[in-house]
Amino acid sequence: MGLFDLESHFAFYGAYHSNPINVFIHMIFVWPIAFTLLVVLYFTPPLVEHSPIPLGSGGAYLVLNYGFLLALIYALYYVSLDRRAGALAALMCFLCWIGSSALGHRLGFSMAWKVVLASQIFCWTFQIIGHGMFEKRAPALLDNLTQAFLMAPFFVLLEALQSGFGYEPYPGFHAKVKAKIDTEVKAWKDAKYKKAN
C-alpha cells in the first residue's frame, strides 16, 4: 500500500477494528496514548537553540523538541492524506503538544513519567480488552507496527467524523473501504477456520 493511500490504510486498520465496541474503546483511548507520549517527549532537549516559547503566565514554555517534531510529522502526514479531516487532526496534534508541554512543566519529570506510565498501562489495557473480548482478533500493530501507530489517531478521528457527521474524504470512500474491510475480515476468518480444522 502506498504511503499516502488513505483508502488502503483505512481498510487495513479497519479490518482489525470492525467491532463497534472495540472501535468505541479505541476512540476513547488512542488520543490519550498519543498525548501522554508527548508528555514524556517534553523532557527531550531542544532541536533549536533558544527555542522556548512562553506558554501563559505560569512559567511554562513550549520547546521545539522531539515532541514538537513528532506532532509536526503527524500533522503534516494527516493533512497530506485528507485536507479537511487532516487539518482537524493537525490541530489536535498541536493542541496535544501544547497541553502535554504545560502538563509536563507542571508535573516535572519525576512525577510525569509515573503519570505517563499509569496512563499508558490503563489505556493499552482497555484496547487489549477491546481486541480480546469484542474484536476477537489481535491488534493491527502485531502485523504492521509503523502503520498501526501512524494511522490509529487518524482512524479514530475519521470514524468519529463519519459516525457523527457522515463525513467522507470523498464521495463513496466509506463504501469502498467497507467492501475492502469485509473482504479482508472474511479472508481472515476463513484462514482461522481452516487452521482450526
C-alpha atoms as a PDB file:
ATOM      1  CA  MET A   1       0.000   0.000   0.000  1.00  0.00           C
ATOM      2  CA  GLY A   2       1.234   3.494  -0.813  1.00  0.00           C
ATOM      3  CA  LEU A   3       2.277   5.844   1.968  1.00  0.00           C
ATOM      4  CA  PHE A   4      -0.439   8.346   1.001  1.00  0.00           C
ATOM      5  CA  ASP A   5      -3.177   5.867   0.030  1.00  0.00           C
ATOM      6  CA  LEU A   6      -5.800   6.728   2.647  1.00  0.00           C
ATOM      7  CA  GLU A   7      -8.269   4.146   1.379  1.00  0.00           C
ATOM      8  CA  SER A   8      -5.794   1.253   1.762  1.00  0.00           C
ATOM      9  CA  HIS A   9      -4.541   2.464   5.141  1.00  0.00           C
ATOM     10  CA  PHE A  10      -8.068   2.874   6.450  1.00  0.00           C
ATOM     11  CA  ALA A  11      -9.095  -0.554   5.119  1.00  0.00           C
ATOM     12  CA  PHE A  12      -6.050  -2.222   6.690  1.00  0.00           C
ATOM     13  CA  TYR A  13      -6.658  -0.642  10.074  1.00  0.00           C
ATOM     14  CA  GLY A  14     -10.423  -1.077   9.812  1.00  0.00           C
ATOM     15  CA  ALA A  15     -10.063  -4.820   9.223  1.00  0.00           C
ATOM     16  CA  TYR A  16      -8.669  -5.043  12.765  1.00  0.00           C
ATOM     17  CA  HIS A  17     -11.339  -2.725  14.140  1.00  0.00           C
ATOM     18  CA  SER A  18     -14.690  -3.813  12.743  1.00  0.00           C
ATOM     19  CA  ASN A  19     -16.464  -4.440  16.046  1.00  0.00           C
ATOM     20  CA  PRO A  20     -18.330  -1.264  17.138  1.00  0.00           C
ATOM     21  CA  ILE A  21     -17.434  -1.694  20.826  1.00  0.00           C
ATOM     22  CA  ASN A  22     -13.750  -2.132  20.003  1.00  0.00           C
ATOM     23  CA  VAL A  23     -13.882   0.950  17.751  1.00  0.00           C
ATOM     24  CA  PHE A  24     -15.525   2.939  20.560  1.00  0.00           C
ATOM     25  CA  ILE A  25     -12.844   1.812  23.032  1.00  0.00           C
ATOM     26  CA  HIS A  26     -10.178   2.982  20.591  1.00  0.00           C
ATOM     27  CA  MET A  27     -11.952   6.313  20.104  1.00  0.00           C
ATOM     28  CA  ILE A  28     -11.642   6.897  23.843  1.00  0.00           C
ATOM     29  CA  PHE A  29      -8.086   5.680  24.426  1.00  0.00           C
ATOM     30  CA  VAL A  30      -5.970   6.265  21.285  1.00  0.00           C
ATOM     31  CA  TRP A  31      -5.555  10.029  21.610  1.00  0.00           C
ATOM     32  CA  PRO A  32      -4.669   9.846  25.345  1.00  0.00           C
ATOM     33  CA  ILE A  33      -1.865   7.434  24.407  1.00  0.00           C
ATOM     34  CA  ALA A  34      -0.526   9.987  21.918  1.00  0.00           C
ATOM     35  CA  PHE A  35      -0.945  12.812  24.434  1.00  0.00           C
ATOM     36  CA  THR A  36       0.933  11.036  27.218  1.00  0.00           C
ATOM     37  CA  LEU A  37       3.743  10.094  24.834  1.00  0.00           C
ATOM     38  CA  LEU A  38       4.132  13.813  24.130  1.00  0.00           C
ATOM     39  CA  VAL A  39       4.289  14.488  27.894  1.00  0.00           C
ATOM     40  CA  VAL A  40       7.427  12.321  28.079  1.00  0.00           C
ATOM     41  CA  LEU A  41       8.876  13.927  24.946  1.00  0.00           C
ATOM     42  CA  TYR A  42       8.511  17.337  26.604  1.00  0.00           C
ATOM     43  CA  PHE A  43      11.665  16.463  28.521  1.00  0.00           C
ATOM     44  CA  THR A  44      13.795  15.883  25.407  1.00  0.00           C
ATOM     45  CA  PRO A  45      16.413  18.511  24.512  1.00  0.00           C
ATOM     46  CA  PRO A  46      15.547  21.378  22.150  1.00  0.00           C
ATOM     47  CA  LEU A  47      16.231  20.824  18.454  1.00  0.00           C
ATOM     48  CA  VAL A  48      16.856  24.551  18.030  1.00  0.00           C
ATOM     49  CA  GLU A  49      18.812  26.669  20.490  1.00  0.00           C
ATOM     50  CA  HIS A  50      16.845  29.440  22.210  1.00  0.00           C
ATOM     51  CA  SER A  51      13.557  27.898  21.088  1.00  0.00           C
ATOM     52  CA  PRO A  52      11.411  28.227  24.247  1.00  0.00           C
ATOM     53  CA  ILE A  53       8.104  29.965  23.589  1.00  0.00           C
ATOM     54  CA  PRO A  54       6.280  31.255  26.698  1.00  0.00           C
ATOM     55  CA  LEU A  55       3.063  29.406  27.455  1.00  0.00           C
ATOM     56  CA  GLY A  56       0.763  31.515  29.600  1.00  0.00           C
ATOM     57  CA  SER A  57       1.828  33.216  32.794  1.00  0.00           C
ATOM     58  CA  GLY A  58       2.721  30.138  34.898  1.00  0.00           C
ATOM     59  CA  GLY A  59       6.323  29.941  33.754  1.00  0.00           C
ATOM     60  CA  ALA A  60       5.637  27.074  31.355  1.00  0.00           C
ATOM     61  CA  TYR A  61       7.031  27.220  27.876  1.00  0.00           C
ATOM     62  CA  LEU A  62       6.905  25.357  24.589  1.00  0.00           C
ATOM     63  CA  VAL A  63      10.137  23.888  23.307  1.00  0.00           C
ATOM     64  CA  LEU A  64      10.846  22.888  19.730  1.00  0.00           C
ATOM     65  CA  ASN A  65      11.952  19.414  20.770  1.00  0.00           C
ATOM     66  CA  TYR A  66      11.160  15.825  19.755  1.00  0.00           C
ATOM     67  CA  GLY A  67       7.590  16.239  20.995  1.00  0.00           C
ATOM     68  CA  PHE A  68       7.114  19.146  18.602  1.00  0.00           C
ATOM     69  CA  LEU A  69       8.806  17.203  15.788  1.00  0.00           C
ATOM     70  CA  LEU A  70       6.520  14.192  16.308  1.00  0.00           C
ATOM     71  CA  ALA A  71       3.407  16.408  16.383  1.00  0.00           C
ATOM     72  CA  LEU A  72       4.587  18.168  13.223  1.00  0.00           C
ATOM     73  CA  ILE A  73       5.246  14.909  11.337  1.00  0.00           C
ATOM     74  CA  TYR A  74       1.850  13.500  12.286  1.00  0.00           C
ATOM     75  CA  ALA A  75       0.104  16.792  11.441  1.00  0.00           C
ATOM     76  CA  LEU A  76       1.714  17.078   8.003  1.00  0.00           C
ATOM     77  CA  TYR A  77       1.037  13.429   7.233  1.00  0.00           C
ATOM     78  CA  TYR A  78      -2.636  13.671   8.170  1.00  0.00           C
ATOM     79  CA  VAL A  79      -3.127  16.827   6.086  1.00  0.00           C
ATOM     80  CA  SER A  80      -1.498  15.053   3.125  1.00  0.00           C
ATOM     81  CA  LEU A  81      -3.994  12.164   3.477  1.00  0.00           C
ATOM     82  CA  ASP A  82      -7.106  14.363   3.608  1.00  0.00           C
ATOM     83  CA  ARG A  83      -7.064  18.146   3.645  1.00  0.00           C
ATOM     84  CA  ARG A  84     -10.214  18.748   5.749  1.00  0.00           C
ATOM     85  CA  ALA A  85     -10.091  15.959   8.332  1.00  0.00           C
ATOM     86  CA  GLY A  86      -6.288  16.179   8.248  1.00  0.00           C
ATOM     87  CA  ALA A  87      -6.439  19.865   9.217  1.00  0.00           C
ATOM     88  CA  LEU A  88      -8.579  18.950  12.239  1.00  0.00           C
ATOM     89  CA  ALA A  89      -6.185  16.113  13.125  1.00  0.00           C
ATOM     90  CA  ALA A  90      -3.225  18.500  12.754  1.00  0.00           C
ATOM     91  CA  LEU A  91      -4.905  20.968  15.099  1.00  0.00           C
ATOM     92  CA  MET A  92      -5.473  18.148  17.591  1.00  0.00           C
ATOM     93  CA  CYS A  93      -1.804  17.109  17.314  1.00  0.00           C
ATOM     94  CA  PHE A  94      -0.621  20.633  18.117  1.00  0.00           C
ATOM     95  CA  LEU A  95      -3.152  21.044  20.931  1.00  0.00           C
ATOM     96  CA  CYS A  96      -1.854  17.766  22.379  1.00  0.00           C
ATOM     97  CA  TRP A  97       1.711  19.084  22.105  1.00  0.00           C
ATOM     98  CA  ILE A  98       0.775  22.355  23.841  1.00  0.00           C
ATOM     99  CA  GLY A  99      -1.255  20.608  26.551  1.00  0.00           C
ATOM    100  CA  SER A 100       1.404  17.965  27.134  1.00  0.00           C
ATOM    101  CA  SER A 101       4.072  20.667  27.430  1.00  0.00           C
ATOM    102  CA  ALA A 102       2.038  22.502  30.044  1.00  0.00           C
ATOM    103  CA  LEU A 103       1.364  19.272  31.960  1.00  0.00           C
ATOM    104  CA  GLY A 104       4.995  18.149  31.710  1.00  0.00           C
ATOM    105  CA  HIS A 105       6.179  21.508  33.040  1.00  0.00           C
ATOM    106  CA  ARG A 106       3.682  21.406  35.891  1.00  0.00           C
ATOM    107  CA  LEU A 107       4.431  17.814  36.934  1.00  0.00           C
ATOM    108  CA  GLY A 108       8.199  17.790  36.459  1.00  0.00           C
ATOM    109  CA  PHE A 109       9.983  14.724  35.150  1.00  0.00           C
ATOM    110  CA  SER A 110       9.956  12.681  38.380  1.00  0.00           C
ATOM    111  CA  MET A 111       6.140  12.786  38.571  1.00  0.00           C
ATOM    112  CA  ALA A 112       5.418  12.973  34.815  1.00  0.00           C
ATOM    113  CA  TRP A 113       6.912   9.599  33.920  1.00  0.00           C
ATOM    114  CA  LYS A 114       4.821   7.932  36.661  1.00  0.00           C
ATOM    115  CA  VAL A 115       1.621   9.567  35.412  1.00  0.00           C
ATOM    116  CA  VAL A 116       2.502   8.636  31.824  1.00  0.00           C
ATOM    117  CA  LEU A 117       3.289   5.027  32.744  1.00  0.00           C
ATOM    118  CA  ALA A 118      -0.005   4.645  34.636  1.00  0.00           C
ATOM    119  CA  SER A 119      -1.953   6.268  31.779  1.00  0.00           C
ATOM    120  CA  GLN A 120      -0.286   4.133  29.127  1.00  0.00           C
ATOM    121  CA  ILE A 121      -0.947   0.910  31.056  1.00  0.00           C
ATOM    122  CA  PHE A 122      -4.581   1.912  31.642  1.00  0.00           C
ATOM    123  CA  CYS A 123      -5.232   2.876  28.001  1.00  0.00           C
ATOM    124  CA  TRP A 124      -3.422  -0.120  26.493  1.00  0.00           C
ATOM    125  CA  THR A 125      -5.237  -2.496  28.852  1.00  0.00           C
ATOM    126  CA  PHE A 126      -8.618  -1.326  27.597  1.00  0.00           C
ATOM    127  CA  GLN A 127      -7.502  -1.619  23.977  1.00  0.00           C
ATOM    128  CA  ILE A 128      -6.269  -5.174  24.570  1.00  0.00           C
ATOM    129  CA  ILE A 129      -9.612  -5.974  26.205  1.00  0.00           C
ATOM    130  CA  GLY A 130     -11.357  -4.483  23.167  1.00  0.00           C
ATOM    131  CA  HIS A 131      -9.445  -6.762  20.832  1.00  0.00           C
ATOM    132  CA  GLY A 132      -9.659  -9.862  23.010  1.00  0.00           C
ATOM    133  CA  MET A 133     -13.293  -9.673  24.136  1.00  0.00           C
ATOM    134  CA  PHE A 134     -15.028  -7.879  21.289  1.00  0.00           C
ATOM    135  CA  GLU A 135     -12.924  -7.925  18.121  1.00  0.00           C
ATOM    136  CA  LYS A 136     -11.567 -11.419  18.810  1.00  0.00           C
ATOM    137  CA  ARG A 137      -8.556 -10.510  16.685  1.00  0.00           C
ATOM    138  CA  ALA A 138      -5.030  -9.447  17.583  1.00  0.00           C
ATOM    139  CA  PRO A 139      -4.250  -5.722  17.203  1.00  0.00           C
ATOM    140  CA  ALA A 140      -3.018  -4.346  13.870  1.00  0.00           C
ATOM    141  CA  LEU A 141       0.314  -3.412  15.434  1.00  0.00           C
ATOM    142  CA  LEU A 142       1.291  -7.103  15.536  1.00  0.00           C
ATOM    143  CA  ASP A 143       1.175  -7.198  11.716  1.00  0.00           C
ATOM    144  CA  ASN A 144       2.365  -3.682  10.902  1.00  0.00           C
ATOM    145  CA  LEU A 145       3.689  -1.698  13.846  1.00  0.00           C
ATOM    146  CA  THR A 146       4.500   1.516  11.988  1.00  0.00           C
ATOM    147  CA  GLN A 147       1.221   1.652  10.091  1.00  0.00           C
ATOM    148  CA  ALA A 148      -0.815   0.932  13.223  1.00  0.00           C
ATOM    149  CA  PHE A 149       0.846   3.669  15.279  1.00  0.00           C
ATOM    150  CA  LEU A 150       0.767   6.156  12.421  1.00  0.00           C
ATOM    151  CA  MET A 151      -2.870   5.595  11.446  1.00  0.00           C
ATOM    152  CA  ALA A 152      -4.545   4.937  14.819  1.00  0.00           C
ATOM    153  CA  PRO A 153      -5.217   8.589  15.790  1.00  0.00           C
ATOM    154  CA  PHE A 154      -6.442   9.488  12.302  1.00  0.00           C
ATOM    155  CA  PHE A 155      -8.541   6.331  12.016  1.00  0.00           C
ATOM    156  CA  VAL A 156     -10.484   7.047  15.203  1.00  0.00           C
ATOM    157  CA  LEU A 157     -10.947  10.693  14.207  1.00  0.00           C
ATOM    158  CA  LEU A 158     -12.325   9.699  10.791  1.00  0.00           C
ATOM    159  CA  GLU A 159     -14.570   7.112  12.461  1.00  0.00           C
ATOM    160  CA  ALA A 160     -15.933   9.796  14.808  1.00  0.00           C
ATOM    161  CA  LEU A 161     -16.463  12.260  11.937  1.00  0.00           C
ATOM    162  CA  GLN A 162     -18.208   9.612   9.848  1.00  0.00           C
ATOM    163  CA  SER A 163     -20.398   8.363  12.720  1.00  0.00           C
ATOM    164  CA  GLY A 164     -21.308  11.812  13.997  1.00  0.00           C
ATOM    165  CA  PHE A 165     -21.492  13.867  10.809  1.00  0.00           C
ATOM    166  CA  GLY A 166     -21.483  11.427   7.883  1.00  0.00           C
ATOM    167  CA  TYR A 167     -18.110  12.812   6.783  1.00  0.00           C
ATOM    168  CA  GLU A 168     -16.274  11.201   3.877  1.00  0.00           C
ATOM    169  CA  PRO A 169     -12.916  12.319   2.453  1.00  0.00           C
ATOM    170  CA  TYR A 170     -14.556  11.929  -0.962  1.00  0.00           C
ATOM    171  CA  PRO A 171     -17.914  10.538  -2.151  1.00  0.00           C
ATOM    172  CA  GLY A 172     -18.043   6.756  -1.924  1.00  0.00           C
ATOM    173  CA  PHE A 173     -14.995   6.493   0.360  1.00  0.00           C
ATOM    174  CA  HIS A 174     -16.743   4.556   3.128  1.00  0.00           C
ATOM    175  CA  ALA A 175     -18.495   2.174   0.718  1.00  0.00           C
ATOM    176  CA  LYS A 176     -15.171   1.309  -0.957  1.00  0.00           C
ATOM    177  CA  VAL A 177     -13.389   0.921   2.369  1.00  0.00           C
ATOM    178  CA  LYS A 178     -16.189  -1.187   3.852  1.00  0.00           C
ATOM    179  CA  ALA A 179     -16.024  -3.557   0.873  1.00  0.00           C
ATOM    180  CA  LYS A 180     -12.252  -3.948   1.362  1.00  0.00           C
ATOM    181  CA  ILE A 181     -12.685  -4.451   5.117  1.00  0.00           C
ATOM    182  CA  ASP A 182     -15.402  -7.073   4.599  1.00  0.00           C
ATOM    183  CA  THR A 183     -13.188  -8.939   2.130  1.00  0.00           C
ATOM    184  CA  GLU A 184     -10.186  -8.832   4.492  1.00  0.00           C
ATOM    185  CA  VAL A 185     -12.220  -9.905   7.542  1.00  0.00           C
ATOM    186  CA  LYS A 186     -13.773 -12.773   5.570  1.00  0.00           C
ATOM    187  CA  ALA A 187     -10.331 -13.922   4.379  1.00  0.00           C
ATOM    188  CA  TRP A 188      -9.008 -13.761   7.956  1.00  0.00           C
ATOM    189  CA  LYS A 189     -11.999 -15.746   9.301  1.00  0.00           C
ATOM    190  CA  ASP A 190     -11.657 -18.350   6.541  1.00  0.00           C
ATOM    191  CA  ALA A 191      -7.943 -18.759   7.283  1.00  0.00           C
ATOM    192  CA  LYS A 192      -8.671 -19.014  11.002  1.00  0.00           C
ATOM    193  CA  TYR A 193     -11.351 -21.651  10.343  1.00  0.00           C
ATOM    194  CA  LYS A 194      -9.024 -23.705   8.113  1.00  0.00           C
ATOM    195  CA  LYS A 195      -6.281 -23.533  10.723  1.00  0.00           C
ATOM    196  CA  ALA A 196      -8.666 -24.742  13.439  1.00  0.00           C
ATOM    197  CA  ASN A 197      -9.899 -27.712  11.356  1.00  0.00           C
END
